[in-house]
Amino acid sequence: MRQELYDRIVAYIVENQEKFYRLAYSYVRNQEDALDIVQNAVCKALEHYETLKNEDAVRTWFYRIVVNESMAFLKKNRREIPTEDGFAAEIPYYEAGYEAEGDIYEEINRMELDVQNIMKLRFYEELSLKEIAEITRMNLNTVKAKLYRGLKLLKLNIQEVE
């Protein structure tokens, strides 16, 4: 039974590896870092697959691992730079020269992190609101509210550009 679950997880990961890479890349905007994140997520999933309580939840369980690994990477790789007043300012590390794909994607990346996560999972990964709630460990109504707030903000920001 456990071997079947392990095999099922491996098959799911192999079948959807491009989606996981794309999700990780949307956070770090660097090819090598995104590959490292996915690799770490795969290792964690395969090491701890026995902790999966609901065998039908492989999809949301693994997306959660990828999101957590992406967030951990960003937190770990924040850089401190000195400022004129002597205090250090934190800036996230992103590879120079990265061009976001389109105005919509850029606008999503300007939103607060929770809203970014929800928007990316909903529209780029095409997950249901229920799956997003499970992945983000938020109440379904909270996910809906943040999604609609993000959509409203996106609409306003895009209208300003036009």
C-alpha atoms as a PDB file:
ATOM      1  CA  MET A   1       0.000   0.000   0.000  1.00  0.00           C
ATOM      2  CA  ARG A   2       2.750   2.481   0.946  1.00  0.00           C
ATOM      3  CA  GLN A   3       4.796   1.497  -2.112  1.00  0.00           C
ATOM      4  CA  GLU A   4       1.749   2.241  -4.271  1.00  0.00           C
ATOM      5  CA  LEU A   5       1.506   5.702  -2.721  1.00  0.00           C
ATOM      6  CA  TYR A   6       5.220   6.310  -3.292  1.00  0.00           C
ATOM      7  CA  ASP A   7       4.885   5.240  -6.938  1.00  0.00           C
ATOM      8  CA  ARG A   8       1.803   7.425  -7.350  1.00  0.00           C
ATOM      9  CA  ILE A   9       3.633  10.452  -5.964  1.00  0.00           C
ATOM     10  CA  VAL A  10       6.631   9.850  -8.236  1.00  0.00           C
ATOM     11  CA  ALA A  11       4.366   9.501 -11.281  1.00  0.00           C
ATOM     12  CA  TYR A  12       2.492  12.688 -10.367  1.00  0.00           C
ATOM     13  CA  ILE A  13       5.716  14.656  -9.930  1.00  0.00           C
ATOM     14  CA  VAL A  14       7.190  13.424 -13.218  1.00  0.00           C
ATOM     15  CA  GLU A  15       3.960  14.155 -15.084  1.00  0.00           C
ATOM     16  CA  ASN A  16       3.695  17.713 -13.730  1.00  0.00           C
ATOM     17  CA  GLN A  17       7.321  18.757 -13.326  1.00  0.00           C
ATOM     18  CA  GLU A  18       7.006  21.701 -15.732  1.00  0.00           C
ATOM     19  CA  LYS A  19       4.139  23.147 -13.682  1.00  0.00           C
ATOM     20  CA  PHE A  20       6.195  22.918 -10.492  1.00  0.00           C
ATOM     21  CA  TYR A  21       9.176  24.542 -12.176  1.00  0.00           C
ATOM     22  CA  ARG A  22       6.965  27.350 -13.502  1.00  0.00           C
ATOM     23  CA  LEU A  23       5.500  27.940 -10.039  1.00  0.00           C
ATOM     24  CA  ALA A  24       8.932  28.047  -8.377  1.00  0.00           C
ATOM     25  CA  TYR A  25      10.238  30.308 -11.152  1.00  0.00           C
ATOM     26  CA  SER A  26       7.343  32.715 -10.586  1.00  0.00           C
ATOM     27  CA  TYR A  27       8.695  33.261  -7.068  1.00  0.00           C
ATOM     28  CA  VAL A  28      12.448  33.443  -7.626  1.00  0.00           C
ATOM     29  CA  ARG A  29      12.725  34.490 -11.283  1.00  0.00           C
ATOM     30  CA  ASN A  30      15.907  32.521 -11.754  1.00  0.00           C
ATOM     31  CA  GLN A  31      16.186  29.249 -13.653  1.00  0.00           C
ATOM     32  CA  GLU A  32      18.805  27.560 -11.467  1.00  0.00           C
ATOM     33  CA  ASP A  33      17.128  28.593  -8.225  1.00  0.00           C
ATOM     34  CA  ALA A  34      13.747  27.366  -9.471  1.00  0.00           C
ATOM     35  CA  LEU A  35      15.280  24.009 -10.385  1.00  0.00           C
ATOM     36  CA  ASP A  36      16.872  23.785  -6.931  1.00  0.00           C
ATOM     37  CA  ILE A  37      13.544  24.554  -5.286  1.00  0.00           C
ATOM     38  CA  VAL A  38      11.758  21.844  -7.252  1.00  0.00           C
ATOM     39  CA  GLN A  39      14.551  19.379  -6.503  1.00  0.00           C
ATOM     40  CA  ASN A  40      14.330  20.162  -2.776  1.00  0.00           C
ATOM     41  CA  ALA A  41      10.548  19.814  -2.882  1.00  0.00           C
ATOM     42  CA  VAL A  42      10.819  16.419  -4.580  1.00  0.00           C
ATOM     43  CA  CYS A  43      13.357  15.228  -2.009  1.00  0.00           C
ATOM     44  CA  LYS A  44      11.171  16.383   0.884  1.00  0.00           C
ATOM     45  CA  ALA A  45       8.080  14.804  -0.618  1.00  0.00           C
ATOM     46  CA  LEU A  46       9.771  11.463  -1.170  1.00  0.00           C
ATOM     47  CA  GLU A  47      11.404  11.496   2.266  1.00  0.00           C
ATOM     48  CA  HIS A  48       8.137  12.309   4.030  1.00  0.00           C
ATOM     49  CA  TYR A  49       5.514  10.739   1.775  1.00  0.00           C
ATOM     50  CA  GLU A  50       4.256   8.631   4.667  1.00  0.00           C
ATOM     51  CA  THR A  51       3.013  11.797   6.401  1.00  0.00           C
ATOM     52  CA  LEU A  52       0.417  12.291   3.661  1.00  0.00           C
ATOM     53  CA  LYS A  53      -2.850  11.593   5.461  1.00  0.00           C
ATOM     54  CA  ASN A  54      -5.249  11.715   2.536  1.00  0.00           C
ATOM     55  CA  GLU A  55      -3.886   9.811  -0.435  1.00  0.00           C
ATOM     56  CA  ASP A  56      -6.269  11.670  -2.748  1.00  0.00           C
ATOM     57  CA  ALA A  57      -4.625  14.975  -1.817  1.00  0.00           C
ATOM     58  CA  VAL A  58      -1.266  14.379  -3.541  1.00  0.00           C
ATOM     59  CA  ARG A  59      -1.779  17.409  -5.777  1.00  0.00           C
ATOM     60  CA  THR A  60      -2.439  19.966  -3.047  1.00  0.00           C
ATOM     61  CA  TRP A  61       0.131  18.356  -0.746  1.00  0.00           C
ATOM     62  CA  PHE A  62       2.938  18.680  -3.304  1.00  0.00           C
ATOM     63  CA  TYR A  63       1.946  22.196  -4.401  1.00  0.00           C
ATOM     64  CA  ARG A  64       2.134  23.186  -0.728  1.00  0.00           C
ATOM     65  CA  ILE A  65       5.662  21.777  -0.523  1.00  0.00           C
ATOM     66  CA  VAL A  66       6.740  23.742  -3.626  1.00  0.00           C
ATOM     67  CA  VAL A  67       5.208  26.970  -2.280  1.00  0.00           C
ATOM     68  CA  ASN A  68       6.867  26.444   1.117  1.00  0.00           C
ATOM     69  CA  GLU A  69      10.245  25.737  -0.486  1.00  0.00           C
ATOM     70  CA  SER A  70       9.896  28.862  -2.649  1.00  0.00           C
ATOM     71  CA  MET A  71       9.036  31.011   0.360  1.00  0.00           C
ATOM     72  CA  ALA A  72      11.895  29.524   2.399  1.00  0.00           C
ATOM     73  CA  PHE A  73      14.299  30.266  -0.448  1.00  0.00           C
ATOM     74  CA  LEU A  74      13.172  33.891  -0.654  1.00  0.00           C
ATOM     75  CA  LYS A  75      13.446  34.326   3.095  1.00  0.00           C
ATOM     76  CA  LYS A  76      16.898  32.729   3.201  1.00  0.00           C
ATOM     77  CA  ASN A  77      18.213  34.772   0.276  1.00  0.00           C
ATOM     78  CA  ARG A  78      17.220  38.233   1.366  1.00  0.00           C
ATOM     79  CA  ARG A  79      20.192  40.531   1.173  1.00  0.00           C
ATOM     80  CA  GLU A  80      20.996  43.333   3.589  1.00  0.00           C
ATOM     81  CA  ILE A  81      22.475  46.501   2.177  1.00  0.00           C
ATOM     82  CA  PRO A  82      23.755  49.513   4.094  1.00  0.00           C
ATOM     83  CA  THR A  83      21.820  52.746   3.692  1.00  0.00           C
ATOM     84  CA  GLU A  84      22.860  56.356   4.211  1.00  0.00           C
ATOM     85  CA  ASP A  85      21.324  56.497   7.684  1.00  0.00           C
ATOM     86  CA  GLY A  86      23.380  53.476   8.761  1.00  0.00           C
ATOM     87  CA  PHE A  87      20.495  51.048   9.036  1.00  0.00           C
ATOM     88  CA  ALA A  88      20.433  47.947   6.909  1.00  0.00           C
ATOM     89  CA  ALA A  89      17.627  47.556   4.417  1.00  0.00           C
ATOM     90  CA  GLU A  90      16.483  44.155   3.265  1.00  0.00           C
ATOM     91  CA  ILE A  91      16.013  43.566  -0.419  1.00  0.00           C
ATOM     92  CA  PRO A  92      15.122  40.251  -1.998  1.00  0.00           C
ATOM     93  CA  TYR A  93      17.654  38.705  -4.341  1.00  0.00           C
ATOM     94  CA  TYR A  94      16.532  38.489  -7.947  1.00  0.00           C
ATOM     95  CA  GLU A  95      18.712  37.921 -10.964  1.00  0.00           C
ATOM     96  CA  ALA A  96      19.428  41.150 -12.808  1.00  0.00           C
ATOM     97  CA  GLY A  97      17.999  41.461 -16.278  1.00  0.00           C
ATOM     98  CA  TYR A  98      14.871  39.403 -15.674  1.00  0.00           C
ATOM     99  CA  GLU A  99      11.968  40.737 -17.706  1.00  0.00           C
ATOM    100  CA  ALA A 100       8.515  39.804 -16.433  1.00  0.00           C
ATOM    101  CA  GLU A 101       6.238  38.356 -19.067  1.00  0.00           C
ATOM    102  CA  GLY A 102       3.589  40.977 -19.609  1.00  0.00           C
ATOM    103  CA  ASP A 103       2.005  43.797 -17.678  1.00  0.00           C
ATOM    104  CA  ILE A 104      -0.457  41.529 -15.885  1.00  0.00           C
ATOM    105  CA  TYR A 105       2.285  39.350 -14.454  1.00  0.00           C
ATOM    106  CA  GLU A 106       4.201  42.435 -13.306  1.00  0.00           C
ATOM    107  CA  GLU A 107       1.103  43.826 -11.615  1.00  0.00           C
ATOM    108  CA  ILE A 108       0.474  40.526  -9.807  1.00  0.00           C
ATOM    109  CA  ASN A 109       4.051  40.562  -8.512  1.00  0.00           C
ATOM    110  CA  ARG A 110       3.478  44.016  -6.999  1.00  0.00           C
ATOM    111  CA  MET A 111       0.627  42.755  -4.821  1.00  0.00           C
ATOM    112  CA  GLU A 112       0.974  41.549  -1.242  1.00  0.00           C
ATOM    113  CA  LEU A 113       2.425  38.046  -1.034  1.00  0.00           C
ATOM    114  CA  ASP A 114      -0.781  36.238  -0.013  1.00  0.00           C
ATOM    115  CA  VAL A 115      -2.653  37.745  -2.947  1.00  0.00           C
ATOM    116  CA  GLN A 116       0.245  36.927  -5.305  1.00  0.00           C
ATOM    117  CA  ASN A 117       0.183  33.297  -4.191  1.00  0.00           C
ATOM    118  CA  ILE A 118      -3.555  33.004  -4.701  1.00  0.00           C
ATOM    119  CA  MET A 119      -3.510  34.722  -8.102  1.00  0.00           C
ATOM    120  CA  LYS A 120      -0.621  32.576  -9.374  1.00  0.00           C
ATOM    121  CA  LEU A 121      -2.164  29.330  -8.145  1.00  0.00           C
ATOM    122  CA  ARG A 122      -5.566  30.229  -9.580  1.00  0.00           C
ATOM    123  CA  PHE A 123      -4.648  31.620 -12.981  1.00  0.00           C
ATOM    124  CA  TYR A 124      -1.225  30.202 -13.807  1.00  0.00           C
ATOM    125  CA  GLU A 125      -1.615  26.782 -12.184  1.00  0.00           C
ATOM    126  CA  GLU A 126      -5.391  26.615 -12.763  1.00  0.00           C
ATOM    127  CA  LEU A 127      -6.170  25.267  -9.300  1.00  0.00           C
ATOM    128  CA  SER A 128      -9.641  25.422  -7.790  1.00  0.00           C
ATOM    129  CA  LEU A 129     -10.373  27.798  -4.926  1.00  0.00           C
ATOM    130  CA  LYS A 130     -10.802  24.811  -2.618  1.00  0.00           C
ATOM    131  CA  GLU A 131      -7.354  23.474  -3.580  1.00  0.00           C
ATOM    132  CA  ILE A 132      -5.833  26.917  -3.068  1.00  0.00           C
ATOM    133  CA  ALA A 133      -7.415  27.097   0.389  1.00  0.00           C
ATOM    134  CA  GLU A 134      -5.863  23.730   1.268  1.00  0.00           C
ATOM    135  CA  ILE A 135      -2.439  24.691  -0.106  1.00  0.00           C
ATOM    136  CA  THR A 136      -2.336  28.093   1.597  1.00  0.00           C
ATOM    137  CA  ARG A 137      -4.072  26.793   4.735  1.00  0.00           C
ATOM    138  CA  MET A 138      -6.557  29.627   4.562  1.00  0.00           C
ATOM    139  CA  ASN A 139     -10.307  29.584   4.944  1.00  0.00           C
ATOM    140  CA  LEU A 140     -12.088  29.272   1.584  1.00  0.00           C
ATOM    141  CA  ASN A 141     -13.873  32.599   2.118  1.00  0.00           C
ATOM    142  CA  THR A 142     -10.541  34.283   2.878  1.00  0.00           C
ATOM    143  CA  VAL A 143      -9.110  32.914  -0.374  1.00  0.00           C
ATOM    144  CA  LYS A 144     -12.133  34.213  -2.287  1.00  0.00           C
ATOM    145  CA  ALA A 145     -11.886  37.650  -0.672  1.00  0.00           C
ATOM    146  CA  LYS A 146      -8.159  37.956  -1.399  1.00  0.00           C
ATOM    147  CA  LEU A 147      -8.651  36.721  -4.972  1.00  0.00           C
ATOM    148  CA  TYR A 148     -11.388  39.249  -5.682  1.00  0.00           C
ATOM    149  CA  ARG A 149      -9.412  42.023  -3.982  1.00  0.00           C
ATOM    150  CA  GLY A 150      -6.459  41.117  -6.212  1.00  0.00           C
ATOM    151  CA  LEU A 151      -8.624  41.089  -9.332  1.00  0.00           C
ATOM    152  CA  LYS A 152     -10.085  44.482  -8.440  1.00  0.00           C
ATOM    153  CA  LEU A 153      -6.610  45.908  -7.833  1.00  0.00           C
ATOM    154  CA  LEU A 154      -5.349  44.375 -11.074  1.00  0.00           C
ATOM    155  CA  LYS A 155      -8.212  45.942 -13.009  1.00  0.00           C
ATOM    156  CA  LEU A 156      -7.576  49.371 -11.475  1.00  0.00           C
ATOM    157  CA  ASN A 157      -3.832  49.228 -12.113  1.00  0.00           C
ATOM    158  CA  ILE A 158      -4.223  48.103 -15.709  1.00  0.00           C
ATOM    159  CA  GLN A 159      -6.812  50.817 -16.391  1.00  0.00           C
ATOM    160  CA  GLU A 160      -4.351  53.415 -15.050  1.00  0.00           C
ATOM    161  CA  VAL A 161      -1.736  52.234 -17.552  1.00  0.00           C
ATOM    162  CA  GLU A 162      -4.115  52.560 -20.492  1.00  0.00           C
END
